[in-house]
Amino acid sequence: MRFRDYLKDKGVEIILSLVLLTAAVWLMVVFKLNTAAVIIIAVLILITEAAKITYGYLRKRKFYNALAENVRRLDKAYLVLETLERPDFLEGKILCDILYEIDKSMIENVGLYIKSSREYAEYIEVWIHEVKLPLSAISLKLHNMLGSGDISPEMRDNIKRLQNETNRITEYVDQVLYYSRSENAEKDYHIQEVTIGSIVHDTVMELRETLLDNKIDLRIEINPEIRVNTDPKWLKFMIGQIISNSIKYRRENTDSYVKILSWEDEASVTLCIEDNGMGIYPEDIKRVFEKSFTGKNGTGRARSTGMGLYITKELSEKLGHNICVDSVQGEWTKVFITIRKDRFYEM
């Protein structure tokens, strides 16, 4: 709050005071008051008005400057009233009362919004679990039909296509489930010590048919006995999303492969998922973990949502892991998941 601005705000009052002073001096001159007395009275009036303006400015400046500064510094600006003393002038008291009512209304509305969001998220989770039951039944039925020997080649191809579409639906349903859980991750994950081999095995078994149907060679070069502290369910989902991307962005007329490697040092364990697919354009690499980003490779692909790697990144951060990607467009892509050996994770 600057003094110049305060004077501008008080401009009308200052002009009226000067008019009143001029009238008083004129009246004293008309009534032939002693000149020295007129000057003394005029000076006293000027000093009084100046003192009143200065006092008002100093009293209000402290409050408004503190209000503006605290609003800038606070992450939650609506809590600013908690940081201020109630002012002793009427305008400040009125402002505080108004801000209090606004904050109260805002907090009530935010509470209703949080409640509504929580109920919606709970409904989504229940809905997803209900949807996965018939999807699992459909997958099992299709698998059994493929296992029978009395179907024609054309029917077999149709069943495989249906199976692939069912797997895609299941993948998208899982994405929705983990996306909703990532908002309140601390309530869902369970850190435990597991082997890399068990995580990779379970993930690969779920994707084996998709890998075979797309003629993708799976190469596993890991030490299965390496142990890490993580949430196995979340890590399996993350690896599955990365492998699914490798399948989606494979190159045509190429002997495609997905290679899973692992290594460790004193500080961490690193899991690498490598493929020889389309690769990523250099200008897209920094954005692959952005929400809904599909990049140049995803343009025109109806099945590319740009959510898989985003959710994977979110879950990775919640678990305290690190994920990064390296790629050469048209040649290969490598995704690295680094799991630290922090004492924080010890059981």
Protein backbone atom coordinates (compact mmCIF):
# COMPACT_ATOMS: atom_id res chain seq x y z
CA MET A 1 0.00 0.00 0.00
CA ARG A 2 1.69 3.18 -1.23
CA PHE A 3 1.14 6.62 0.31
CA ARG A 4 0.56 8.12 -3.14
CA ASP A 5 -2.27 5.69 -3.81
CA TYR A 6 -3.74 6.38 -0.40
CA LEU A 7 -3.73 10.14 -1.10
CA LYS A 8 -5.51 9.54 -4.42
CA ASP A 9 -8.14 7.51 -2.61
CA LYS A 10 -8.60 10.37 -0.10
CA GLY A 11 -8.64 13.00 -2.85
CA VAL A 12 -12.26 14.10 -2.36
CA GLU A 13 -11.84 14.40 1.42
CA ILE A 14 -8.65 16.45 0.97
CA ILE A 15 -10.32 18.81 -1.51
CA LEU A 16 -13.32 19.31 0.83
CA SER A 17 -10.94 20.02 3.74
CA LEU A 18 -9.07 22.62 1.66
CA VAL A 19 -12.37 24.24 0.65
CA LEU A 20 -13.43 24.34 4.30
CA LEU A 21 -10.05 25.83 5.30
CA THR A 22 -10.32 28.47 2.58
CA ALA A 23 -13.84 29.41 3.74
CA ALA A 24 -12.73 29.62 7.37
CA VAL A 25 -9.77 31.87 6.48
CA TRP A 26 -12.04 34.08 4.35
CA LEU A 27 -14.54 34.43 7.21
CA MET A 28 -11.77 35.32 9.66
CA VAL A 29 -10.48 37.96 7.26
CA VAL A 30 -14.00 39.36 6.74
CA PHE A 31 -14.47 39.67 10.47
CA LYS A 32 -11.07 41.39 10.65
CA LEU A 33 -9.45 38.81 12.91
CA ASN A 34 -5.84 39.43 13.75
CA THR A 35 -3.60 38.32 10.86
CA ALA A 36 -1.27 36.36 13.11
CA ALA A 37 -4.26 34.54 14.62
CA VAL A 38 -5.58 33.69 11.14
CA ILE A 39 -2.23 32.22 10.12
CA ILE A 40 -1.89 30.22 13.35
CA ILE A 41 -5.42 28.80 13.04
CA ALA A 42 -4.88 27.88 9.37
CA VAL A 43 -1.57 26.16 10.15
CA LEU A 44 -3.14 24.23 13.03
CA ILE A 45 -5.97 23.06 10.78
CA LEU A 46 -3.47 21.95 8.10
CA ILE A 47 -1.35 20.09 10.66
CA THR A 48 -4.44 18.41 12.10
CA GLU A 49 -5.65 17.24 8.68
CA ALA A 50 -2.17 16.04 7.70
CA ALA A 51 -1.80 14.16 10.99
CA LYS A 52 -5.25 12.56 10.51
CA ILE A 53 -4.38 11.39 6.98
CA THR A 54 -0.94 10.10 8.06
CA TYR A 55 -2.35 8.24 11.06
CA GLY A 56 -5.05 6.61 8.94
CA TYR A 57 -2.45 5.56 6.34
CA LEU A 58 -0.04 4.07 8.86
CA ARG A 59 -2.79 2.14 10.65
CA LYS A 60 -4.19 0.63 7.45
CA ARG A 61 -0.87 0.09 5.69
CA LYS A 62 0.26 -2.47 8.26
CA PHE A 63 -2.87 -4.57 7.84
CA TYR A 64 -3.18 -4.40 4.04
CA ASN A 65 0.54 -4.98 3.43
CA ALA A 66 0.46 -8.03 5.71
CA LEU A 67 -2.67 -9.27 3.92
CA ALA A 68 -1.12 -8.92 0.45
CA GLU A 69 2.22 -10.45 1.50
CA ASN A 70 0.64 -13.46 3.21
CA VAL A 71 -1.63 -14.12 0.22
CA ARG A 72 1.45 -14.25 -2.03
CA ARG A 73 3.37 -16.55 0.31
CA LEU A 74 0.66 -19.04 1.22
CA ASP A 75 0.01 -22.11 -0.92
CA LYS A 76 -3.57 -22.07 0.32
CA ALA A 77 -4.40 -18.37 0.14
CA TYR A 78 -7.87 -18.90 1.59
CA LEU A 79 -6.23 -19.51 4.99
CA VAL A 80 -4.79 -15.98 5.07
CA LEU A 81 -7.14 -14.82 7.83
CA GLU A 82 -5.51 -17.33 10.17
CA THR A 83 -2.23 -15.44 9.80
CA LEU A 84 -3.54 -11.93 10.57
CA GLU A 85 -4.60 -10.07 13.67
CA ARG A 86 -8.05 -8.54 13.50
CA PRO A 87 -7.62 -4.83 12.59
CA ASP A 88 -8.88 -1.99 14.80
CA PHE A 89 -10.47 0.09 12.01
CA LEU A 90 -13.98 -0.38 10.64
CA GLU A 91 -13.08 -1.07 6.99
CA GLY A 92 -10.66 -3.83 7.99
CA LYS A 93 -13.19 -5.43 10.33
CA ILE A 94 -15.82 -5.46 7.58
CA LEU A 95 -13.30 -6.96 5.14
CA CYS A 96 -12.32 -9.68 7.62
CA ASP A 97 -15.96 -10.56 8.26
CA ILE A 98 -16.65 -10.80 4.52
CA LEU A 99 -13.53 -12.91 3.88
CA TYR A 100 -14.53 -15.20 6.75
CA GLU A 101 -17.96 -15.81 5.23
CA ILE A 102 -16.41 -16.38 1.79
CA ASP A 103 -13.90 -18.88 3.23
CA LYS A 104 -16.65 -20.65 5.15
CA SER A 105 -18.78 -20.99 2.02
CA MET A 106 -15.78 -22.13 -0.04
CA ILE A 107 -14.76 -24.77 2.52
CA GLU A 108 -18.31 -26.11 2.65
CA ASN A 109 -18.45 -26.36 -1.15
CA VAL A 110 -15.02 -28.01 -1.31
CA GLY A 111 -16.17 -30.50 1.31
CA LEU A 112 -19.23 -31.37 -0.78
CA TYR A 113 -17.01 -31.71 -3.87
CA ILE A 114 -14.56 -34.00 -2.06
CA LYS A 115 -17.40 -36.14 -0.77
CA SER A 116 -18.91 -36.36 -4.25
CA SER A 117 -15.54 -37.24 -5.81
CA ARG A 118 -14.89 -39.90 -3.18
CA GLU A 119 -18.31 -41.47 -3.74
CA TYR A 120 -17.75 -41.40 -7.50
CA ALA A 121 -14.32 -43.03 -7.17
CA GLU A 122 -15.79 -45.73 -4.91
CA TYR A 123 -18.55 -46.37 -7.44
CA ILE A 124 -16.01 -46.61 -10.28
CA GLU A 125 -13.97 -49.17 -8.35
CA VAL A 126 -17.06 -51.28 -7.63
CA TRP A 127 -18.17 -50.98 -11.26
CA ILE A 128 -14.73 -52.03 -12.52
CA HIS A 129 -14.68 -55.12 -10.32
CA GLU A 130 -18.16 -56.05 -11.53
CA VAL A 131 -17.15 -55.54 -15.17
CA LYS A 132 -14.02 -57.67 -14.82
CA LEU A 133 -16.08 -60.72 -13.81
CA PRO A 134 -17.91 -61.10 -17.16
CA LEU A 135 -14.72 -60.14 -19.01
CA SER A 136 -12.87 -62.96 -17.27
CA ALA A 137 -15.71 -65.33 -18.09
CA ILE A 138 -15.61 -64.29 -21.76
CA SER A 139 -11.83 -64.75 -21.91
CA LEU A 140 -12.08 -68.19 -20.34
CA LYS A 141 -14.86 -69.22 -22.74
CA LEU A 142 -12.87 -68.05 -25.76
CA HIS A 143 -9.77 -69.83 -24.49
CA ASN A 144 -11.73 -73.07 -24.10
CA MET A 145 -13.20 -72.70 -27.59
CA LEU A 146 -9.70 -72.31 -29.05
CA GLY A 147 -8.63 -75.44 -27.19
CA SER A 148 -11.30 -77.56 -28.82
CA GLY A 149 -10.36 -79.29 -32.06
CA ASP A 150 -13.72 -79.12 -33.84
CA ILE A 151 -13.69 -75.52 -35.10
CA SER A 152 -12.82 -74.28 -38.56
CA PRO A 153 -9.73 -72.12 -39.27
CA GLU A 154 -12.00 -69.17 -40.03
CA MET A 155 -13.81 -69.57 -36.71
CA ARG A 156 -10.46 -69.87 -34.94
CA ASP A 157 -9.32 -66.56 -36.45
CA ASN A 158 -12.57 -64.89 -35.40
CA ILE A 159 -12.20 -66.19 -31.85
CA LYS A 160 -8.63 -64.90 -31.67
CA ARG A 161 -9.77 -61.46 -32.81
CA LEU A 162 -12.49 -61.48 -30.15
CA GLN A 163 -9.91 -62.57 -27.61
CA ASN A 164 -7.61 -59.69 -28.57
CA GLU A 165 -10.45 -57.19 -28.29
CA THR A 166 -11.42 -58.62 -24.89
CA ASN A 167 -7.82 -58.26 -23.72
CA ARG A 168 -7.82 -54.64 -24.87
CA ILE A 169 -11.01 -53.92 -22.94
CA THR A 170 -9.48 -55.55 -19.85
CA GLU A 171 -6.37 -53.39 -20.23
CA TYR A 172 -8.40 -50.19 -20.46
CA VAL A 173 -10.52 -51.23 -17.47
CA ASP A 174 -7.32 -51.78 -15.47
CA GLN A 175 -6.08 -48.35 -16.54
CA VAL A 176 -9.24 -46.75 -15.16
CA LEU A 177 -8.91 -48.71 -11.92
CA TYR A 178 -5.29 -47.74 -11.30
CA TYR A 179 -5.89 -44.15 -12.38
CA SER A 180 -8.65 -43.78 -9.79
CA ARG A 181 -6.45 -45.40 -7.15
CA SER A 182 -3.45 -43.20 -7.94
CA GLU A 183 -5.31 -40.20 -6.49
CA ASN A 184 -5.32 -41.84 -3.05
CA ALA A 185 -2.43 -44.23 -3.52
CA GLU A 186 -1.42 -44.34 0.12
CA LYS A 187 -4.68 -46.14 0.94
CA ASP A 188 -4.19 -48.89 -1.63
CA TYR A 189 -0.57 -49.97 -1.98
CA HIS A 190 1.15 -52.54 0.23
CA ILE A 191 4.95 -52.59 0.23
CA GLN A 192 6.47 -56.04 0.61
CA GLU A 193 9.64 -57.87 -0.32
CA VAL A 194 9.26 -59.87 -3.54
CA THR A 195 11.52 -61.36 -6.20
CA ILE A 196 11.87 -59.78 -9.63
CA GLY A 197 11.37 -63.22 -11.13
CA SER A 198 7.88 -63.65 -9.65
CA ILE A 199 6.75 -60.21 -10.83
CA VAL A 200 8.02 -60.73 -14.38
CA HIS A 201 6.62 -64.26 -14.56
CA ASP A 202 3.10 -63.20 -13.51
CA THR A 203 3.11 -60.25 -15.92
CA VAL A 204 4.32 -62.30 -18.87
CA MET A 205 1.80 -65.06 -18.23
CA GLU A 206 -1.05 -62.58 -18.53
CA LEU A 207 0.31 -61.20 -21.82
CA ARG A 208 1.61 -64.42 -23.34
CA GLU A 209 -1.27 -64.91 -25.79
CA THR A 210 -1.10 -61.31 -26.99
CA LEU A 211 2.65 -61.64 -27.52
CA LEU A 212 2.20 -64.89 -29.46
CA ASP A 213 -0.63 -63.52 -31.60
CA ASN A 214 1.53 -60.53 -32.56
CA LYS A 215 4.54 -62.76 -33.25
CA ILE A 216 6.71 -60.97 -30.71
CA ASP A 217 9.71 -62.82 -29.34
CA LEU A 218 10.02 -62.48 -25.56
CA ARG A 219 13.55 -62.49 -24.18
CA ILE A 220 14.04 -62.55 -20.42
CA GLU A 221 17.53 -61.84 -19.12
CA ILE A 222 17.07 -61.26 -15.42
CA ASN A 223 18.32 -62.68 -12.17
CA PRO A 224 15.01 -64.04 -10.85
CA GLU A 225 16.31 -64.13 -7.27
CA ILE A 226 16.86 -60.36 -7.01
CA ARG A 227 14.61 -59.10 -4.23
CA VAL A 228 12.98 -55.67 -4.08
CA ASN A 229 10.61 -53.84 -1.78
CA THR A 230 7.57 -52.73 -3.76
CA ASP A 231 3.87 -53.28 -4.27
CA PRO A 232 3.82 -56.39 -6.54
CA LYS A 233 0.35 -55.63 -7.90
CA TRP A 234 1.30 -52.09 -8.92
CA LEU A 235 4.70 -53.06 -10.33
CA LYS A 236 3.10 -55.83 -12.38
CA PHE A 237 0.62 -53.32 -13.80
CA MET A 238 3.45 -50.90 -14.66
CA ILE A 239 5.47 -53.58 -16.48
CA GLY A 240 2.33 -54.74 -18.27
CA GLN A 241 1.60 -51.23 -19.54
CA ILE A 242 5.14 -50.88 -20.87
CA ILE A 243 4.99 -54.24 -22.66
CA SER A 244 1.56 -53.36 -24.07
CA ASN A 245 3.07 -50.19 -25.53
CA SER A 246 5.83 -52.30 -27.09
CA ILE A 247 3.15 -54.42 -28.73
CA LYS A 248 1.14 -51.43 -29.95
CA TYR A 249 4.13 -49.66 -31.45
CA ARG A 250 5.87 -52.64 -33.04
CA ARG A 251 7.26 -52.25 -36.56
CA GLU A 252 5.75 -54.11 -39.46
CA ASN A 253 7.88 -56.56 -41.48
CA THR A 254 10.35 -56.88 -38.60
CA ASP A 255 11.23 -59.74 -36.28
CA SER A 256 9.86 -57.98 -33.23
CA TYR A 257 11.07 -58.71 -29.74
CA VAL A 258 10.59 -57.52 -26.17
CA LYS A 259 13.56 -57.98 -23.88
CA ILE A 260 13.37 -57.74 -20.08
CA LEU A 261 16.66 -57.24 -18.24
CA SER A 262 17.65 -56.51 -14.66
CA TRP A 263 20.74 -55.53 -12.73
CA GLU A 264 21.54 -54.19 -9.29
CA ASP A 265 24.16 -52.28 -7.37
CA GLU A 266 24.53 -51.24 -3.74
CA ALA A 267 21.93 -48.50 -4.01
CA SER A 268 19.21 -49.82 -6.32
CA VAL A 269 17.74 -52.47 -8.59
CA THR A 270 16.99 -51.56 -12.20
CA LEU A 271 14.50 -53.30 -14.45
CA CYS A 272 14.75 -52.55 -18.19
CA ILE A 273 12.05 -53.33 -20.79
CA GLU A 274 13.48 -53.02 -24.29
CA ASP A 275 11.86 -53.44 -27.71
CA ASN A 276 12.83 -52.93 -31.35
CA GLY A 277 9.62 -51.16 -32.30
CA MET A 278 8.88 -47.80 -33.88
CA GLY A 279 10.84 -45.87 -31.28
CA ILE A 280 10.04 -42.36 -30.10
CA TYR A 281 10.73 -39.09 -31.88
CA PRO A 282 13.40 -37.02 -30.05
CA GLU A 283 10.99 -34.12 -29.49
CA ASP A 284 8.45 -36.50 -27.91
CA ILE A 285 10.67 -38.27 -25.38
CA LYS A 286 10.35 -35.58 -22.68
CA ARG A 287 6.56 -35.68 -22.98
CA VAL A 288 5.79 -39.41 -23.05
CA PHE A 289 4.73 -39.37 -19.38
CA GLU A 290 2.32 -36.45 -19.84
CA LYS A 291 -1.37 -37.12 -19.43
CA SER A 292 -3.10 -38.08 -22.73
CA PHE A 293 0.05 -37.41 -24.76
CA THR A 294 0.30 -39.78 -27.73
CA GLY A 295 3.03 -38.10 -29.80
CA LYS A 296 3.63 -38.49 -33.51
CA ASN A 297 3.52 -42.29 -33.35
CA GLY A 298 0.12 -42.19 -31.67
CA THR A 299 -1.46 -39.84 -34.20
CA GLY A 300 -4.09 -41.70 -36.14
CA ARG A 301 -4.06 -44.70 -33.81
CA ALA A 302 -7.55 -45.10 -32.38
CA ARG A 303 -6.32 -47.40 -29.63
CA SER A 304 -3.68 -44.99 -28.36
CA THR A 305 -4.98 -43.04 -25.35
CA GLY A 306 -1.72 -41.68 -23.96
CA MET A 307 -2.77 -42.74 -20.44
CA GLY A 308 -0.71 -45.90 -19.90
CA LEU A 309 2.68 -44.27 -19.32
CA TYR A 310 1.09 -41.37 -17.44
CA ILE A 311 -0.51 -43.73 -14.91
CA THR A 312 2.71 -45.75 -14.75
CA LYS A 313 4.67 -42.59 -13.90
CA GLU A 314 2.15 -41.60 -11.22
CA LEU A 315 2.27 -45.02 -9.57
CA SER A 316 6.06 -45.09 -9.79
CA GLU A 317 6.34 -41.78 -7.94
CA LYS A 318 3.87 -42.91 -5.27
CA LEU A 319 6.00 -46.01 -4.66
CA GLY A 320 9.21 -43.98 -4.53
CA HIS A 321 10.57 -45.64 -7.68
CA ASN A 322 12.06 -43.85 -10.66
CA ILE A 323 11.04 -44.41 -14.27
CA CYS A 324 12.67 -43.00 -17.41
CA VAL A 325 12.78 -43.75 -21.11
CA ASP A 326 15.39 -43.70 -23.84
CA SER A 327 14.78 -44.32 -27.53
CA VAL A 328 16.06 -44.02 -31.08
CA GLN A 329 13.23 -43.37 -33.49
CA GLY A 330 12.78 -46.27 -35.90
CA GLU A 331 15.14 -48.57 -33.99
CA TRP A 332 14.45 -49.23 -30.29
CA THR A 333 12.93 -48.05 -27.02
CA LYS A 334 14.12 -48.78 -23.49
CA VAL A 335 12.13 -48.06 -20.33
CA PHE A 336 13.99 -48.19 -17.02
CA ILE A 337 12.34 -48.72 -13.64
CA THR A 338 14.75 -48.10 -10.76
CA ILE A 339 13.85 -49.36 -7.30
CA ARG A 340 15.99 -47.97 -4.50
CA LYS A 341 17.26 -50.09 -1.64
CA ASP A 342 16.25 -47.56 1.00
CA ARG A 343 15.95 -48.67 4.62
CA PHE A 344 12.56 -46.97 4.53
CA TYR A 345 11.20 -50.00 2.68
CA GLU A 346 12.58 -52.64 5.04
CA MET A 347 9.88 -54.75 6.58
